[in-house]
Amino acid sequence: MTAAALVTVAVAQTHPLSVAGVLISVAAGSVGALILVRLDDLVELFLPTPSAPLARPACRRP
């Protein structure tokens, strides 16, 4: 997708791109991609953990 976008921008470019705009776009896209790739880990992080039932202590008789 990135390569297709770069080719499209290069072919249809009517004015030069600013370096700051490109850097901001790349940074925002990278953060978005990282969140999307790790979304299952983020969801699992905020899910409640199942608790194990409490074990009854063994009865000790003297």
C-alpha atoms as a PDB file:
ATOM      1  CA  MET A   1       0.000   0.000   0.000  1.00  0.00           C
ATOM      2  CA  THR A   2       2.806   2.378   0.823  1.00  0.00           C
ATOM      3  CA  ALA A   3       4.536   1.718  -2.478  1.00  0.00           C
ATOM      4  CA  ALA A   4       1.290   2.294  -4.378  1.00  0.00           C
ATOM      5  CA  ALA A   5       0.741   5.560  -2.526  1.00  0.00           C
ATOM      6  CA  LEU A   6       4.287   6.738  -3.261  1.00  0.00           C
ATOM      7  CA  VAL A   7       3.936   5.932  -6.967  1.00  0.00           C
ATOM      8  CA  THR A   8       0.593   7.736  -7.109  1.00  0.00           C
ATOM      9  CA  VAL A   9       1.991  10.816  -5.383  1.00  0.00           C
ATOM     10  CA  ALA A  10       5.073  10.822  -7.599  1.00  0.00           C
ATOM     11  CA  VAL A  11       3.032  10.522 -10.803  1.00  0.00           C
ATOM     12  CA  ALA A  12       0.251  12.971  -9.881  1.00  0.00           C
ATOM     13  CA  GLN A  13       2.468  15.465  -8.073  1.00  0.00           C
ATOM     14  CA  THR A  14       1.672  19.038  -9.035  1.00  0.00           C
ATOM     15  CA  HIS A  15       3.812  20.726  -6.377  1.00  0.00           C
ATOM     16  CA  PRO A  16       6.745  19.516  -4.263  1.00  0.00           C
ATOM     17  CA  LEU A  17       6.046  17.774  -0.980  1.00  0.00           C
ATOM     18  CA  SER A  18       7.339  19.341   2.207  1.00  0.00           C
ATOM     19  CA  VAL A  19       9.772  17.243   4.213  1.00  0.00           C
ATOM     20  CA  ALA A  20       7.979  18.021   7.481  1.00  0.00           C
ATOM     21  CA  GLY A  21       4.650  16.839   6.096  1.00  0.00           C
ATOM     22  CA  VAL A  22       6.160  13.610   4.840  1.00  0.00           C
ATOM     23  CA  LEU A  23       7.867  12.918   8.176  1.00  0.00           C
ATOM     24  CA  ILE A  24       4.669  13.573  10.138  1.00  0.00           C
ATOM     25  CA  SER A  25       2.703  11.306   7.791  1.00  0.00           C
ATOM     26  CA  VAL A  26       5.244   8.505   8.064  1.00  0.00           C
ATOM     27  CA  ALA A  27       5.312   8.790  11.862  1.00  0.00           C
ATOM     28  CA  ALA A  28       1.509   8.763  12.133  1.00  0.00           C
ATOM     29  CA  GLY A  29       1.252   5.816   9.751  1.00  0.00           C
ATOM     30  CA  SER A  30       3.889   3.892  11.672  1.00  0.00           C
ATOM     31  CA  VAL A  31       2.116   4.413  14.988  1.00  0.00           C
ATOM     32  CA  GLY A  32      -1.198   3.387  13.450  1.00  0.00           C
ATOM     33  CA  ALA A  33       0.342   0.258  11.920  1.00  0.00           C
ATOM     34  CA  LEU A  34       2.020  -0.667  15.203  1.00  0.00           C
ATOM     35  CA  ILE A  35      -1.267  -0.336  17.077  1.00  0.00           C
ATOM     36  CA  LEU A  36      -3.070  -2.421  14.466  1.00  0.00           C
ATOM     37  CA  VAL A  37      -0.413  -5.143  14.501  1.00  0.00           C
ATOM     38  CA  ARG A  38      -0.364  -5.338  18.300  1.00  0.00           C
ATOM     39  CA  LEU A  39      -4.111  -4.835  18.826  1.00  0.00           C
ATOM     40  CA  ASP A  40      -4.659  -8.356  20.134  1.00  0.00           C
ATOM     41  CA  ASP A  41      -1.935  -7.848  22.746  1.00  0.00           C
ATOM     42  CA  LEU A  42      -3.482  -4.528  23.810  1.00  0.00           C
ATOM     43  CA  VAL A  43      -6.931  -6.090  24.117  1.00  0.00           C
ATOM     44  CA  GLU A  44      -5.536  -8.974  26.155  1.00  0.00           C
ATOM     45  CA  LEU A  45      -3.750  -6.512  28.417  1.00  0.00           C
ATOM     46  CA  PHE A  46      -7.021  -4.886  29.478  1.00  0.00           C
ATOM     47  CA  LEU A  47      -9.153  -8.026  29.787  1.00  0.00           C
ATOM     48  CA  PRO A  48      -9.868  -9.232  33.313  1.00  0.00           C
ATOM     49  CA  THR A  49      -7.790 -12.196  34.402  1.00  0.00           C
ATOM     50  CA  PRO A  50      -9.671 -15.331  35.406  1.00  0.00           C
ATOM     51  CA  SER A  51      -9.230 -16.170  39.041  1.00  0.00           C
ATOM     52  CA  ALA A  52      -8.630 -19.724  40.172  1.00  0.00           C
ATOM     53  CA  PRO A  53     -11.020 -21.108  42.772  1.00  0.00           C
ATOM     54  CA  LEU A  54      -9.621 -21.040  46.265  1.00  0.00           C
ATOM     55  CA  ALA A  55      -8.327 -24.390  47.403  1.00  0.00           C
ATOM     56  CA  ARG A  56      -9.653 -25.643  50.715  1.00  0.00           C
ATOM     57  CA  PRO A  57      -6.964 -26.309  53.258  1.00  0.00           C
ATOM     58  CA  ALA A  58      -6.524 -29.957  54.197  1.00  0.00           C
ATOM     59  CA  CYS A  59      -7.992 -30.801  57.590  1.00  0.00           C
ATOM     60  CA  ARG A  60      -5.295 -31.745  59.994  1.00  0.00           C
ATOM     61  CA  ARG A  61      -6.305 -33.914  62.895  1.00  0.00           C
ATOM     62  CA  PRO A  62      -3.900 -34.617  65.691  1.00  0.00           C
END
